[in-house]
Amino acid sequence: MNDRRIVLVGFMGCGKTSVAEALAHLLGCEMVDLDSFIIKREGRSPAEIIQQDGEAAFRDLESLALRDVLQDRSARIVALGGGTWTVPANRTLVALHECLSIWLDAPFEVCWDHISENREANRPLAPDRDTAKIRYRSRRADYALARERIVANPGESSEMIAKKILAQT
């Protein structure tokens, strides 16, 4: 994989952050979680920004954050937020920076289990199961635009998925 940067995309709760951490550990490199980067920079969580300013305002901040993360080049692994990849300009940014985009394709039930287990991580775009499932289905076509697709099966650890990424790419 040389020094090619990897961008992980997928639905909220699919494991992007934990897989990015495991992958960075295996490769001995830095990783950035875009949502954490935004929290540090803005002083508010994505949920707070969405609730206070609206989703469109959050997407604008998110795109600026992605641009800055990709320009910095210090992190080889970047975990995007669940909706980041759905914005065409963000996909273009990833392509322009010659990153390998990988879709972590987890079944909805796995994602929902993670979302519902972690209810303190307020998710205004998935307030209930039905809304989350509709959003999950609507985003799959965008996620499928990633260069690679890695199926994240129920019961697989983040380390197992990271090893699968290394084996398949």
C-alpha atoms as a PDB file:
ATOM      1  CA  MET A   1       0.000   0.000   0.000  1.00  0.00           C
ATOM      2  CA  ASN A   2       3.088   2.188  -0.017  1.00  0.00           C
ATOM      3  CA  ASP A   3       2.274   5.556   1.514  1.00  0.00           C
ATOM      4  CA  ARG A   4      -1.180   5.863  -0.020  1.00  0.00           C
ATOM      5  CA  ARG A   5      -3.688   7.405   2.325  1.00  0.00           C
ATOM      6  CA  ILE A   6      -6.882   5.569   3.161  1.00  0.00           C
ATOM      7  CA  VAL A   7     -10.257   7.179   3.741  1.00  0.00           C
ATOM      8  CA  LEU A   8     -12.905   5.037   5.431  1.00  0.00           C
ATOM      9  CA  VAL A   9     -16.530   5.703   4.546  1.00  0.00           C
ATOM     10  CA  GLY A  10     -19.754   4.119   5.700  1.00  0.00           C
ATOM     11  CA  PHE A  11     -22.880   4.555   7.751  1.00  0.00           C
ATOM     12  CA  MET A  12     -22.816   5.809  11.326  1.00  0.00           C
ATOM     13  CA  GLY A  13     -22.088   2.988  13.727  1.00  0.00           C
ATOM     14  CA  CYS A  14     -20.373   0.786  11.123  1.00  0.00           C
ATOM     15  CA  GLY A  15     -17.029   1.024  12.948  1.00  0.00           C
ATOM     16  CA  LYS A  16     -15.064   3.529  10.875  1.00  0.00           C
ATOM     17  CA  THR A  17     -13.251   5.081  13.838  1.00  0.00           C
ATOM     18  CA  SER A  18     -12.307   1.838  15.576  1.00  0.00           C
ATOM     19  CA  VAL A  19     -11.232   0.223  12.297  1.00  0.00           C
ATOM     20  CA  ALA A  20      -9.190   3.334  11.425  1.00  0.00           C
ATOM     21  CA  GLU A  21      -7.460   3.100  14.809  1.00  0.00           C
ATOM     22  CA  ALA A  22      -6.721  -0.600  14.298  1.00  0.00           C
ATOM     23  CA  LEU A  23      -5.475   0.003  10.754  1.00  0.00           C
ATOM     24  CA  ALA A  24      -3.233   2.866  11.867  1.00  0.00           C
ATOM     25  CA  HIS A  25      -1.829   0.637  14.605  1.00  0.00           C
ATOM     26  CA  LEU A  26      -1.061  -2.154  12.116  1.00  0.00           C
ATOM     27  CA  LEU A  27       0.576   0.280   9.694  1.00  0.00           C
ATOM     28  CA  GLY A  28       2.380   2.279  12.391  1.00  0.00           C
ATOM     29  CA  CYS A  29       0.925   5.565  11.202  1.00  0.00           C
ATOM     30  CA  GLU A  30      -1.335   8.406  12.267  1.00  0.00           C
ATOM     31  CA  MET A  31      -5.085   8.496  11.858  1.00  0.00           C
ATOM     32  CA  VAL A  32      -7.687  11.238  12.070  1.00  0.00           C
ATOM     33  CA  ASP A  33     -11.339  10.859  12.919  1.00  0.00           C
ATOM     34  CA  LEU A  34     -13.052  13.717  11.087  1.00  0.00           C
ATOM     35  CA  ASP A  35     -15.796  14.129  13.700  1.00  0.00           C
ATOM     36  CA  SER A  36     -13.182  14.408  16.479  1.00  0.00           C
ATOM     37  CA  PHE A  37     -11.232  16.914  14.379  1.00  0.00           C
ATOM     38  CA  ILE A  38     -14.395  19.004  14.019  1.00  0.00           C
ATOM     39  CA  ILE A  39     -15.090  18.851  17.762  1.00  0.00           C
ATOM     40  CA  LYS A  40     -11.569  20.054  18.534  1.00  0.00           C
ATOM     41  CA  ARG A  41     -11.735  22.822  15.946  1.00  0.00           C
ATOM     42  CA  GLU A  42     -15.295  24.041  16.496  1.00  0.00           C
ATOM     43  CA  GLY A  43     -15.679  23.370  20.208  1.00  0.00           C
ATOM     44  CA  ARG A  44     -18.991  21.618  19.490  1.00  0.00           C
ATOM     45  CA  SER A  45     -19.944  18.134  18.418  1.00  0.00           C
ATOM     46  CA  PRO A  46     -21.424  17.425  14.980  1.00  0.00           C
ATOM     47  CA  ALA A  47     -24.755  16.770  16.721  1.00  0.00           C
ATOM     48  CA  GLU A  48     -24.647  20.151  18.451  1.00  0.00           C
ATOM     49  CA  ILE A  49     -23.778  21.924  15.205  1.00  0.00           C
ATOM     50  CA  ILE A  50     -26.608  20.170  13.367  1.00  0.00           C
ATOM     51  CA  GLN A  51     -29.101  20.952  16.131  1.00  0.00           C
ATOM     52  CA  GLN A  52     -28.030  24.588  16.494  1.00  0.00           C
ATOM     53  CA  ASP A  53     -27.160  25.565  12.916  1.00  0.00           C
ATOM     54  CA  GLY A  54     -28.752  22.892  10.716  1.00  0.00           C
ATOM     55  CA  GLU A  55     -27.376  20.048   8.648  1.00  0.00           C
ATOM     56  CA  ALA A  56     -26.399  22.254   5.693  1.00  0.00           C
ATOM     57  CA  ALA A  57     -24.194  24.440   7.918  1.00  0.00           C
ATOM     58  CA  PHE A  58     -22.602  21.330   9.408  1.00  0.00           C
ATOM     59  CA  ARG A  59     -21.872  19.880   5.952  1.00  0.00           C
ATOM     60  CA  ASP A  60     -20.084  23.121   5.006  1.00  0.00           C
ATOM     61  CA  LEU A  61     -17.919  22.963   8.157  1.00  0.00           C
ATOM     62  CA  GLU A  62     -17.306  19.272   7.557  1.00  0.00           C
ATOM     63  CA  SER A  63     -16.112  19.895   3.990  1.00  0.00           C
ATOM     64  CA  LEU A  64     -13.700  22.589   5.180  1.00  0.00           C
ATOM     65  CA  ALA A  65     -12.413  20.247   7.890  1.00  0.00           C
ATOM     66  CA  LEU A  66     -11.917  17.443   5.353  1.00  0.00           C
ATOM     67  CA  ARG A  67      -9.981  19.785   3.063  1.00  0.00           C
ATOM     68  CA  ASP A  68      -7.695  20.783   5.923  1.00  0.00           C
ATOM     69  CA  VAL A  69      -7.142  17.197   7.087  1.00  0.00           C
ATOM     70  CA  LEU A  70      -6.266  16.083   3.555  1.00  0.00           C
ATOM     71  CA  GLN A  71      -3.940  19.042   2.961  1.00  0.00           C
ATOM     72  CA  ASP A  72      -2.060  18.352   6.199  1.00  0.00           C
ATOM     73  CA  ARG A  73      -0.998  14.865   5.020  1.00  0.00           C
ATOM     74  CA  SER A  74       0.213  13.820   8.495  1.00  0.00           C
ATOM     75  CA  ALA A  75      -2.513  11.201   8.868  1.00  0.00           C
ATOM     76  CA  ARG A  76      -2.465   8.216   6.536  1.00  0.00           C
ATOM     77  CA  ILE A  77      -5.859   6.950   7.712  1.00  0.00           C
ATOM     78  CA  VAL A  78      -8.948   9.177   7.846  1.00  0.00           C
ATOM     79  CA  ALA A  79     -12.307   8.073   9.233  1.00  0.00           C
ATOM     80  CA  LEU A  80     -15.076  10.197   7.744  1.00  0.00           C
ATOM     81  CA  GLY A  81     -18.401  10.995   9.339  1.00  0.00           C
ATOM     82  CA  GLY A  82     -21.348   8.948   8.086  1.00  0.00           C
ATOM     83  CA  GLY A  83     -22.608  11.667   5.752  1.00  0.00           C
ATOM     84  CA  THR A  84     -19.303  13.124   4.568  1.00  0.00           C
ATOM     85  CA  TRP A  85     -19.046  10.821   1.552  1.00  0.00           C
ATOM     86  CA  THR A  86     -22.579  11.704   0.403  1.00  0.00           C
ATOM     87  CA  VAL A  87     -21.391  15.201  -0.596  1.00  0.00           C
ATOM     88  CA  PRO A  88     -19.993  15.068  -4.158  1.00  0.00           C
ATOM     89  CA  ALA A  89     -17.419  17.807  -3.461  1.00  0.00           C
ATOM     90  CA  ASN A  90     -15.999  15.697  -0.620  1.00  0.00           C
ATOM     91  CA  ARG A  91     -15.595  12.694  -2.917  1.00  0.00           C
ATOM     92  CA  THR A  92     -13.774  14.978  -5.344  1.00  0.00           C
ATOM     93  CA  LEU A  93     -11.457  16.199  -2.551  1.00  0.00           C
ATOM     94  CA  VAL A  94     -10.597  12.619  -1.640  1.00  0.00           C
ATOM     95  CA  ALA A  95      -9.872  11.795  -5.301  1.00  0.00           C
ATOM     96  CA  LEU A  96      -7.752  14.926  -5.807  1.00  0.00           C
ATOM     97  CA  HIS A  97      -5.612  13.924  -2.834  1.00  0.00           C
ATOM     98  CA  GLU A  98      -5.192  10.432  -4.328  1.00  0.00           C
ATOM     99  CA  CYS A  99      -6.619   8.684  -1.285  1.00  0.00           C
ATOM    100  CA  LEU A 100      -7.934   5.141  -1.428  1.00  0.00           C
ATOM    101  CA  SER A 101     -11.595   5.250  -0.416  1.00  0.00           C
ATOM    102  CA  ILE A 102     -12.889   2.156   1.354  1.00  0.00           C
ATOM    103  CA  TRP A 103     -16.525   1.549   2.189  1.00  0.00           C
ATOM    104  CA  LEU A 104     -17.042  -0.362   5.426  1.00  0.00           C
ATOM    105  CA  ASP A 105     -20.274  -2.086   4.501  1.00  0.00           C
ATOM    106  CA  ALA A 106     -21.911  -3.280   7.708  1.00  0.00           C
ATOM    107  CA  PRO A 107     -25.479  -4.588   7.900  1.00  0.00           C
ATOM    108  CA  PHE A 108     -28.009  -2.072   9.192  1.00  0.00           C
ATOM    109  CA  GLU A 109     -28.650  -4.105  12.340  1.00  0.00           C
ATOM    110  CA  VAL A 110     -24.968  -3.908  13.315  1.00  0.00           C
ATOM    111  CA  CYS A 111     -24.977  -0.144  12.775  1.00  0.00           C
ATOM    112  CA  TRP A 112     -28.221   0.292  14.689  1.00  0.00           C
ATOM    113  CA  ASP A 113     -26.932  -1.804  17.577  1.00  0.00           C
ATOM    114  CA  HIS A 114     -23.898   0.503  17.853  1.00  0.00           C
ATOM    115  CA  ILE A 115     -26.059   3.625  17.536  1.00  0.00           C
ATOM    116  CA  SER A 116     -28.564   2.473  20.145  1.00  0.00           C
ATOM    117  CA  GLU A 117     -25.859   1.203  22.546  1.00  0.00           C
ATOM    118  CA  ASN A 118     -24.287   4.650  22.529  1.00  0.00           C
ATOM    119  CA  ARG A 119     -27.344   6.885  22.946  1.00  0.00           C
ATOM    120  CA  GLU A 120     -25.332   9.503  24.850  1.00  0.00           C
ATOM    121  CA  ALA A 121     -23.640  10.218  21.515  1.00  0.00           C
ATOM    122  CA  ASN A 122     -26.648  12.193  20.334  1.00  0.00           C
ATOM    123  CA  ARG A 123     -27.405  11.460  16.678  1.00  0.00           C
ATOM    124  CA  PRO A 124     -29.936  13.962  15.368  1.00  0.00           C
ATOM    125  CA  LEU A 125     -29.903  12.336  11.919  1.00  0.00           C
ATOM    126  CA  ALA A 126     -30.847   8.946  13.414  1.00  0.00           C
ATOM    127  CA  PRO A 127     -33.268   9.742  16.228  1.00  0.00           C
ATOM    128  CA  ASP A 128     -35.069   6.425  15.867  1.00  0.00           C
ATOM    129  CA  ARG A 129     -34.665   3.084  14.110  1.00  0.00           C
ATOM    130  CA  ASP A 130     -37.000   3.838  11.190  1.00  0.00           C
ATOM    131  CA  THR A 131     -35.386   7.186  10.391  1.00  0.00           C
ATOM    132  CA  ALA A 132     -31.934   5.618  10.624  1.00  0.00           C
ATOM    133  CA  LYS A 133     -32.918   2.755   8.315  1.00  0.00           C
ATOM    134  CA  ILE A 134     -34.281   5.146   5.683  1.00  0.00           C
ATOM    135  CA  ARG A 135     -31.055   7.182   5.841  1.00  0.00           C
ATOM    136  CA  TYR A 136     -28.963   3.980   5.707  1.00  0.00           C
ATOM    137  CA  ARG A 137     -30.737   2.838   2.542  1.00  0.00           C
ATOM    138  CA  SER A 138     -30.545   6.268   0.906  1.00  0.00           C
ATOM    139  CA  ARG A 139     -26.773   6.517   1.431  1.00  0.00           C
ATOM    140  CA  ARG A 140     -25.761   3.083   0.126  1.00  0.00           C
ATOM    141  CA  ALA A 141     -25.535   4.241  -3.501  1.00  0.00           C
ATOM    142  CA  ASP A 142     -23.094   6.985  -2.462  1.00  0.00           C
ATOM    143  CA  TYR A 143     -21.022   4.599  -0.360  1.00  0.00           C
ATOM    144  CA  ALA A 144     -20.839   2.237  -3.343  1.00  0.00           C
ATOM    145  CA  LEU A 145     -18.850   4.955  -5.162  1.00  0.00           C
ATOM    146  CA  ALA A 146     -15.855   4.225  -2.932  1.00  0.00           C
ATOM    147  CA  ARG A 147     -12.931   2.540  -4.679  1.00  0.00           C
ATOM    148  CA  GLU A 148     -13.083  -0.562  -2.462  1.00  0.00           C
ATOM    149  CA  ARG A 149     -15.806  -2.269  -0.454  1.00  0.00           C
ATOM    150  CA  ILE A 150     -15.045  -4.247   2.679  1.00  0.00           C
ATOM    151  CA  VAL A 151     -17.888  -6.204   4.213  1.00  0.00           C
ATOM    152  CA  ALA A 152     -17.899  -5.799   7.985  1.00  0.00           C
ATOM    153  CA  ASN A 153     -19.592  -8.958   9.193  1.00  0.00           C
ATOM    154  CA  PRO A 154     -21.348  -9.215  12.546  1.00  0.00           C
ATOM    155  CA  GLY A 155     -18.948 -10.374  15.244  1.00  0.00           C
ATOM    156  CA  GLU A 156     -15.773  -9.271  13.454  1.00  0.00           C
ATOM    157  CA  SER A 157     -13.483  -7.155  15.598  1.00  0.00           C
ATOM    158  CA  SER A 158     -11.997  -3.884  14.375  1.00  0.00           C
ATOM    159  CA  GLU A 159      -8.623  -5.624  14.178  1.00  0.00           C
ATOM    160  CA  MET A 160     -10.066  -8.405  12.016  1.00  0.00           C
ATOM    161  CA  ILE A 161     -11.604  -5.862   9.640  1.00  0.00           C
ATOM    162  CA  ALA A 162      -8.343  -3.879   9.501  1.00  0.00           C
ATOM    163  CA  LYS A 163      -6.460  -7.060   8.568  1.00  0.00           C
ATOM    164  CA  LYS A 164      -9.089  -7.787   5.926  1.00  0.00           C
ATOM    165  CA  ILE A 165      -8.516  -4.312   4.463  1.00  0.00           C
ATOM    166  CA  LEU A 166      -4.768  -4.938   4.273  1.00  0.00           C
ATOM    167  CA  ALA A 167      -5.329  -8.327   2.643  1.00  0.00           C
ATOM    168  CA  GLN A 168      -7.788  -7.015   0.054  1.00  0.00           C
ATOM    169  CA  THR A 169      -6.084  -3.775  -0.951  1.00  0.00           C
END
